[in-house]
Amino acid sequence: MLKNQIKTFLFTTLLLGSSACFADVYPSRPIKIVVGFSPGGGPDITARALGQKISESWKQGVIVENKLGAGSNIAAQFVANAAPDGYTLLSVSSAFAISPAIYSKLPFDALKDFSGVTLTATGPAFLIISPDLKVNNVEELIALAKKQPGGLTYSSAGVGSGSHFAAELLRVKTGVEFLHVPTKGIPEGLTEVVSGRVDFFISPYASAVAMVRDGRAKAIAVTSTTRIKDFPNLPSVAETVSGYKWEFWYGLLAPVRTPKSILQKLALEIKRINELPDIKERYASLGIQPVSDTPEAFDKMLSSEISEFTRLALMAKIKAE
């Protein structure tokens, strides 16, 4: 028995030593951050900002690669199948937690096939309407929708995207019907509403703020529970629709079985980056807040979000095949 205990001790010591060694030498080659959406969306913006800083600090290249399709599931599958060595990461948004809620079959398990690195940022959204739509606020939008059940259209970044669920939450809260017009990404969703081809779009703040500021996009509300300081005259949706709140979040995942020491090293580095004045200033200009946590905390949050989105999907009867 003593011999077995000694063997166990030696194995554990070797394992811990190996894990520490991984962290000491990591990274020794370029890191790839995969994004499942078009350039210009939150997952892309945060990945590129963090990638640049990581590259400067660790003296290794960081490549951001956009792999589009299936509501970001193609990108997720790619990373799930990658080597668990910290060199292939996935930049995710709320949409990642939505997929398990609406797809009966996925080529990956959102919880079992990934390890959390950290939450990276959060931010509200704009409710943007077509320039041709004759409404000025949320109350008038809902009243018009009630007069034309299923007649008003909204765009999204695709079935199962955060912008899709944000609009469906509005539908559930108000009891009115809208027609969903999915696109392949946030920029495309914005183009559809700004051009007048659809009636409204709930866009991540970061993706639309420049267009709202210069008048190219007409926003009638924000999705945070309170007004935001940069647009004090813009009401929150909750001022009209009690209990409505939508906040986009962004984070980083790694393939499961990535050594904990590497996950922790990445999380600590991102925490350091998120505290840099220029990152805070850049994110603030986009209406998002840098946020950091531990790998364990992000895993826990992801599990909770999947449960919440599953409940909303059932209420809204959303399914994707």
Protein backbone atom coordinates (compact mmCIF):
# COMPACT_ATOMS: atom_id res chain seq x y z
CA MET A 1 0.00 0.00 0.00
CA LEU A 2 2.87 2.33 0.87
CA LYS A 3 4.37 1.59 -2.55
CA ASN A 4 1.11 2.60 -4.24
CA GLN A 5 0.97 5.82 -2.23
CA ILE A 6 4.51 6.65 -3.29
CA LYS A 7 3.60 5.99 -6.93
CA THR A 8 0.54 8.23 -6.65
CA PHE A 9 2.61 10.99 -5.07
CA LEU A 10 5.26 10.78 -7.77
CA PHE A 11 2.63 10.80 -10.54
CA THR A 12 0.87 13.84 -9.05
CA THR A 13 4.17 15.66 -8.62
CA LEU A 14 5.10 14.88 -12.22
CA LEU A 15 1.69 16.04 -13.46
CA LEU A 16 1.87 19.31 -11.55
CA GLY A 17 5.42 19.83 -12.68
CA SER A 18 4.42 19.25 -16.29
CA SER A 19 1.55 21.70 -15.96
CA ALA A 20 3.86 24.36 -14.57
CA CYS A 21 6.30 23.63 -17.37
CA PHE A 22 3.56 24.16 -19.99
CA ALA A 23 2.86 27.60 -18.52
CA ASP A 24 6.56 28.50 -18.33
CA VAL A 25 7.19 27.86 -22.03
CA TYR A 26 3.79 29.04 -23.28
CA PRO A 27 3.53 30.64 -25.75
CA SER A 28 6.44 29.55 -27.91
CA ARG A 29 4.65 30.09 -31.23
CA PRO A 30 1.76 32.20 -32.60
CA ILE A 31 -1.70 31.96 -31.04
CA LYS A 32 -4.87 31.84 -33.14
CA ILE A 33 -8.12 33.39 -31.92
CA VAL A 34 -11.08 32.14 -33.95
CA VAL A 35 -14.20 34.32 -34.31
CA GLY A 36 -17.49 32.90 -35.57
CA PHE A 37 -18.84 36.21 -36.88
CA SER A 38 -17.98 38.93 -39.39
CA PRO A 39 -15.35 41.57 -38.65
CA GLY A 40 -16.82 44.54 -36.79
CA GLY A 41 -18.87 42.62 -34.24
CA GLY A 42 -18.09 42.46 -30.51
CA PRO A 43 -16.28 39.08 -30.56
CA ASP A 44 -14.06 40.37 -33.39
CA ILE A 45 -13.39 43.78 -31.82
CA THR A 46 -12.40 42.33 -28.45
CA ALA A 47 -10.32 39.52 -30.01
CA ARG A 48 -8.28 41.98 -32.06
CA ALA A 49 -7.78 44.41 -29.17
CA LEU A 50 -6.65 41.64 -26.82
CA GLY A 51 -4.60 39.91 -29.51
CA GLN A 52 -2.58 43.02 -30.22
CA LYS A 53 -1.75 43.53 -26.55
CA ILE A 54 -0.91 39.85 -25.96
CA SER A 55 1.40 39.93 -28.97
CA GLU A 56 3.17 43.04 -27.67
CA SER A 57 3.59 41.58 -24.18
CA TRP A 58 4.47 37.97 -24.99
CA LYS A 59 6.42 38.68 -28.21
CA GLN A 60 4.42 36.14 -30.16
CA GLY A 61 2.07 36.70 -33.05
CA VAL A 62 -1.67 36.52 -32.44
CA ILE A 63 -3.79 35.74 -35.49
CA VAL A 64 -7.52 36.53 -35.50
CA GLU A 65 -9.41 34.34 -37.97
CA ASN A 66 -13.08 34.79 -38.85
CA LYS A 67 -14.87 31.50 -39.56
CA LEU A 68 -18.46 32.30 -40.45
CA GLY A 69 -21.54 30.12 -40.55
CA ALA A 70 -24.24 28.30 -38.61
CA GLY A 71 -24.59 31.00 -35.96
CA SER A 72 -20.87 30.70 -35.06
CA ASN A 73 -21.09 26.90 -34.67
CA ILE A 74 -18.56 26.24 -37.45
CA ALA A 75 -15.95 28.25 -35.56
CA ALA A 76 -16.85 26.51 -32.30
CA GLN A 77 -16.51 23.05 -33.85
CA PHE A 78 -13.11 24.00 -35.28
CA VAL A 79 -11.80 25.02 -31.86
CA ALA A 80 -13.41 22.05 -30.10
CA ASN A 81 -11.41 19.77 -32.40
CA ALA A 82 -8.14 21.70 -31.99
CA ALA A 83 -5.23 20.54 -29.85
CA PRO A 84 -5.73 21.52 -26.16
CA ASP A 85 -2.46 23.43 -25.97
CA GLY A 86 -3.56 27.06 -25.69
CA TYR A 87 -2.66 27.94 -29.28
CA THR A 88 -6.24 27.88 -30.61
CA LEU A 89 -8.83 29.94 -28.74
CA LEU A 90 -12.44 30.87 -29.44
CA SER A 91 -13.76 34.40 -29.02
CA VAL A 92 -17.43 34.04 -28.11
CA SER A 93 -20.47 36.15 -27.41
CA SER A 94 -23.85 35.45 -25.88
CA ALA A 95 -24.65 33.48 -29.05
CA PHE A 96 -22.41 30.64 -27.90
CA ALA A 97 -24.71 29.98 -24.94
CA ILE A 98 -27.77 30.25 -27.17
CA SER A 99 -26.79 27.44 -29.58
CA PRO A 100 -27.39 24.58 -27.10
CA ALA A 101 -30.80 26.09 -26.37
CA ILE A 102 -32.05 25.96 -29.96
CA TYR A 103 -30.16 23.19 -31.75
CA SER A 104 -31.20 19.61 -30.99
CA LYS A 105 -27.89 18.39 -32.38
CA LEU A 106 -24.54 20.17 -32.32
CA PRO A 107 -21.16 18.86 -33.47
CA PHE A 108 -19.80 19.80 -30.03
CA ASP A 109 -20.91 20.06 -26.41
CA ALA A 110 -20.81 23.69 -25.28
CA LEU A 111 -19.86 22.73 -21.73
CA LYS A 112 -17.95 19.46 -22.06
CA ASP A 113 -15.79 20.31 -25.08
CA PHE A 114 -14.49 23.67 -23.89
CA SER A 115 -12.69 25.21 -20.94
CA GLY A 116 -13.36 28.78 -19.99
CA VAL A 117 -10.53 31.28 -20.07
CA THR A 118 -12.27 34.48 -18.99
CA LEU A 119 -15.11 36.87 -19.63
CA THR A 120 -13.61 39.80 -21.56
CA ALA A 121 -16.27 42.51 -21.90
CA THR A 122 -19.94 43.35 -21.58
CA GLY A 123 -22.14 45.99 -23.13
CA PRO A 124 -25.72 47.03 -23.91
CA ALA A 125 -27.37 47.32 -27.32
CA PHE A 126 -29.24 49.88 -29.39
CA LEU A 127 -32.76 49.35 -30.65
CA ILE A 128 -32.33 50.76 -34.16
CA ILE A 129 -35.21 51.36 -36.54
CA SER A 130 -35.54 51.86 -40.28
CA PRO A 131 -35.40 55.50 -41.43
CA ASP A 132 -38.71 54.81 -43.18
CA LEU A 133 -40.52 53.62 -40.05
CA LYS A 134 -42.83 56.33 -38.74
CA VAL A 135 -42.23 55.79 -35.01
CA ASN A 136 -40.19 57.75 -32.51
CA ASN A 137 -40.06 55.50 -29.45
CA VAL A 138 -40.59 51.97 -28.15
CA GLU A 139 -44.22 52.63 -27.21
CA GLU A 140 -45.06 53.64 -30.77
CA LEU A 141 -43.11 50.66 -32.19
CA ILE A 142 -45.14 48.23 -30.08
CA ALA A 143 -48.41 49.97 -30.93
CA LEU A 144 -47.62 49.71 -34.65
CA ALA A 145 -46.70 46.03 -34.26
CA LYS A 146 -50.02 45.33 -32.55
CA LYS A 147 -51.86 46.88 -35.49
CA GLN A 148 -49.90 44.71 -37.93
CA PRO A 149 -49.35 41.30 -36.25
CA GLY A 150 -46.30 39.73 -37.88
CA GLY A 151 -46.04 42.68 -40.25
CA LEU A 152 -42.96 44.34 -38.75
CA THR A 153 -39.60 42.78 -39.58
CA TYR A 154 -36.33 42.66 -37.69
CA SER A 155 -32.86 41.61 -38.78
CA SER A 156 -30.33 39.65 -36.77
CA ALA A 157 -26.81 38.28 -37.05
CA GLY A 158 -28.36 34.88 -37.74
CA VAL A 159 -30.59 32.30 -36.09
CA GLY A 160 -29.42 31.86 -32.51
CA SER A 161 -27.39 35.08 -32.42
CA GLY A 162 -27.61 37.49 -29.52
CA SER A 163 -29.43 40.00 -31.70
CA HIS A 164 -32.01 37.32 -32.54
CA PHE A 165 -32.69 36.48 -28.89
CA ALA A 166 -32.71 40.15 -27.86
CA ALA A 167 -35.60 40.74 -30.28
CA GLU A 168 -37.36 37.54 -29.24
CA LEU A 169 -37.14 38.62 -25.61
CA LEU A 170 -38.90 41.83 -26.64
CA ARG A 171 -41.56 39.75 -28.38
CA VAL A 172 -42.10 37.56 -25.31
CA LYS A 173 -42.26 40.56 -22.98
CA THR A 174 -44.77 42.46 -25.12
CA GLY A 175 -46.78 39.64 -26.66
CA VAL A 176 -46.53 41.15 -30.16
CA GLU A 177 -45.44 39.30 -33.29
CA PHE A 178 -42.47 40.24 -35.48
CA LEU A 179 -41.02 38.59 -38.59
CA HIS A 180 -37.39 37.47 -38.26
CA VAL A 181 -34.99 38.18 -41.15
CA PRO A 182 -31.64 36.56 -40.31
CA THR A 183 -28.39 37.70 -41.93
CA LYS A 184 -24.85 36.36 -41.66
CA GLY A 185 -23.49 38.92 -39.19
CA ILE A 186 -23.88 42.17 -37.24
CA PRO A 187 -22.67 44.46 -40.06
CA GLU A 188 -25.14 42.85 -42.45
CA GLY A 189 -27.96 43.18 -39.91
CA LEU A 190 -27.15 46.87 -39.54
CA THR A 191 -27.09 47.37 -43.30
CA GLU A 192 -30.55 45.84 -43.63
CA VAL A 193 -32.14 48.23 -41.15
CA VAL A 194 -30.23 51.36 -42.16
CA SER A 195 -31.14 50.74 -45.80
CA GLY A 196 -34.82 50.40 -44.85
CA ARG A 197 -35.17 46.77 -45.95
CA VAL A 198 -36.19 45.71 -42.43
CA ASP A 199 -37.97 47.64 -39.69
CA PHE A 200 -35.66 47.25 -36.71
CA PHE A 201 -32.50 45.64 -35.39
CA ILE A 202 -31.12 45.22 -31.86
CA SER A 203 -27.43 45.87 -32.39
CA PRO A 204 -24.53 45.57 -29.99
CA TYR A 205 -23.62 49.08 -28.88
CA ALA A 206 -20.00 48.71 -30.02
CA SER A 207 -21.01 47.83 -33.57
CA ALA A 208 -23.46 50.70 -34.10
CA VAL A 209 -22.32 53.58 -31.89
CA ALA A 210 -20.43 55.41 -34.65
CA MET A 211 -23.41 55.18 -37.00
CA VAL A 212 -25.78 56.41 -34.28
CA ARG A 213 -23.51 59.34 -33.42
CA ASP A 214 -23.24 60.59 -37.00
CA GLY A 215 -26.91 60.03 -37.79
CA ARG A 216 -26.56 57.13 -40.22
CA ALA A 217 -28.58 54.91 -37.86
CA LYS A 218 -31.69 55.93 -35.91
CA ALA A 219 -31.73 54.53 -32.37
CA ILE A 220 -34.87 54.86 -30.25
CA ALA A 221 -33.68 53.06 -27.09
CA VAL A 222 -30.90 51.19 -25.31
CA THR A 223 -31.32 47.73 -23.81
CA SER A 224 -29.68 48.38 -20.44
CA THR A 225 -32.05 48.86 -17.52
CA THR A 226 -31.02 52.52 -17.20
CA ARG A 227 -29.98 55.24 -19.61
CA ILE A 228 -26.31 55.52 -20.53
CA LYS A 229 -24.25 58.66 -20.00
CA ASP A 230 -23.16 59.10 -23.62
CA PHE A 231 -26.79 59.18 -24.77
CA PRO A 232 -28.72 60.62 -21.80
CA ASN A 233 -31.75 61.51 -23.93
CA LEU A 234 -32.10 57.97 -25.25
CA PRO A 235 -34.51 55.99 -23.04
CA SER A 236 -34.06 52.38 -22.05
CA VAL A 237 -36.45 49.77 -23.42
CA ALA A 238 -37.30 48.98 -19.78
CA GLU A 239 -38.90 52.41 -19.38
CA THR A 240 -41.67 51.11 -21.65
CA VAL A 241 -41.37 47.32 -21.34
CA SER A 242 -41.10 46.43 -17.67
CA GLY A 243 -38.38 43.91 -16.86
CA TYR A 244 -36.70 44.04 -20.26
CA LYS A 245 -32.91 43.83 -20.13
CA TRP A 246 -30.40 42.63 -22.67
CA GLU A 247 -26.65 42.77 -22.29
CA PHE A 248 -24.18 41.32 -24.75
CA TRP A 249 -21.14 39.62 -23.28
CA TYR A 250 -17.88 38.43 -24.78
CA GLY A 251 -15.30 35.91 -23.61
CA LEU A 252 -12.57 33.46 -24.53
CA LEU A 253 -12.72 29.67 -24.53
CA ALA A 254 -10.11 26.98 -25.12
CA PRO A 255 -10.46 23.29 -26.05
CA VAL A 256 -11.20 21.08 -23.04
CA ARG A 257 -8.15 19.53 -21.37
CA THR A 258 -6.07 22.64 -22.01
CA PRO A 259 -3.71 22.72 -19.00
CA LYS A 260 -5.11 24.80 -16.14
CA SER A 261 -1.81 26.63 -15.85
CA ILE A 262 -2.19 27.92 -19.42
CA LEU A 263 -5.81 28.95 -18.83
CA GLN A 264 -4.77 30.81 -15.70
CA LYS A 265 -1.84 32.48 -17.47
CA LEU A 266 -4.16 33.69 -20.24
CA ALA A 267 -6.79 34.89 -17.76
CA LEU A 268 -4.22 36.86 -15.75
CA GLU A 269 -2.78 38.42 -18.90
CA ILE A 270 -6.23 39.48 -20.11
CA LYS A 271 -7.01 40.91 -16.67
CA ARG A 272 -3.79 42.97 -16.93
CA ILE A 273 -4.70 44.15 -20.43
CA ASN A 274 -8.25 45.08 -19.41
CA GLU A 275 -6.83 47.40 -16.76
CA LEU A 276 -4.71 49.36 -19.26
CA PRO A 277 -5.93 52.96 -19.70
CA ASP A 278 -5.91 52.79 -23.51
CA ILE A 279 -8.01 49.61 -23.53
CA LYS A 280 -10.50 51.14 -21.09
CA GLU A 281 -10.65 54.27 -23.23
CA ARG A 282 -11.11 52.32 -26.46
CA TYR A 283 -13.83 50.10 -25.02
CA ALA A 284 -15.59 53.09 -23.45
CA SER A 285 -15.74 54.77 -26.87
CA LEU A 286 -17.53 51.64 -28.08
CA GLY A 287 -19.89 51.49 -25.13
CA ILE A 288 -18.51 48.27 -23.68
CA GLN A 289 -16.83 47.58 -20.37
CA PRO A 290 -13.71 45.43 -19.97
CA VAL A 291 -14.48 42.58 -17.58
CA SER A 292 -12.21 39.82 -16.29
CA ASP A 293 -12.74 36.74 -14.17
CA THR A 294 -11.27 33.30 -13.55
CA PRO A 295 -11.60 30.26 -15.82
CA GLU A 296 -13.78 28.61 -13.17
CA ALA A 297 -16.06 31.64 -12.87
CA PHE A 298 -16.53 31.85 -16.63
CA ASP A 299 -17.40 28.14 -16.81
CA LYS A 300 -20.04 28.68 -14.12
CA MET A 301 -21.48 31.74 -15.86
CA LEU A 302 -21.66 29.91 -19.18
CA SER A 303 -23.63 27.07 -17.61
CA SER A 304 -26.06 29.56 -16.07
CA GLU A 305 -26.51 31.44 -19.36
CA ILE A 306 -27.27 28.22 -21.25
CA SER A 307 -30.01 27.44 -18.72
CA GLU A 308 -31.52 30.93 -19.07
CA PHE A 309 -31.46 30.87 -22.86
CA THR A 310 -33.00 27.40 -22.92
CA ARG A 311 -35.89 28.75 -20.86
CA LEU A 312 -36.32 31.72 -23.24
CA ALA A 313 -36.13 29.44 -26.30
CA LEU A 314 -38.94 27.30 -24.91
CA MET A 315 -41.09 30.35 -24.16
CA ALA A 316 -40.49 31.86 -27.58
CA LYS A 317 -40.70 28.46 -29.32
CA ILE A 318 -37.37 28.97 -31.07
CA LYS A 319 -35.76 25.98 -32.74
CA ALA A 320 -33.02 25.74 -35.36
CA GLU A 321 -32.07 22.67 -37.33
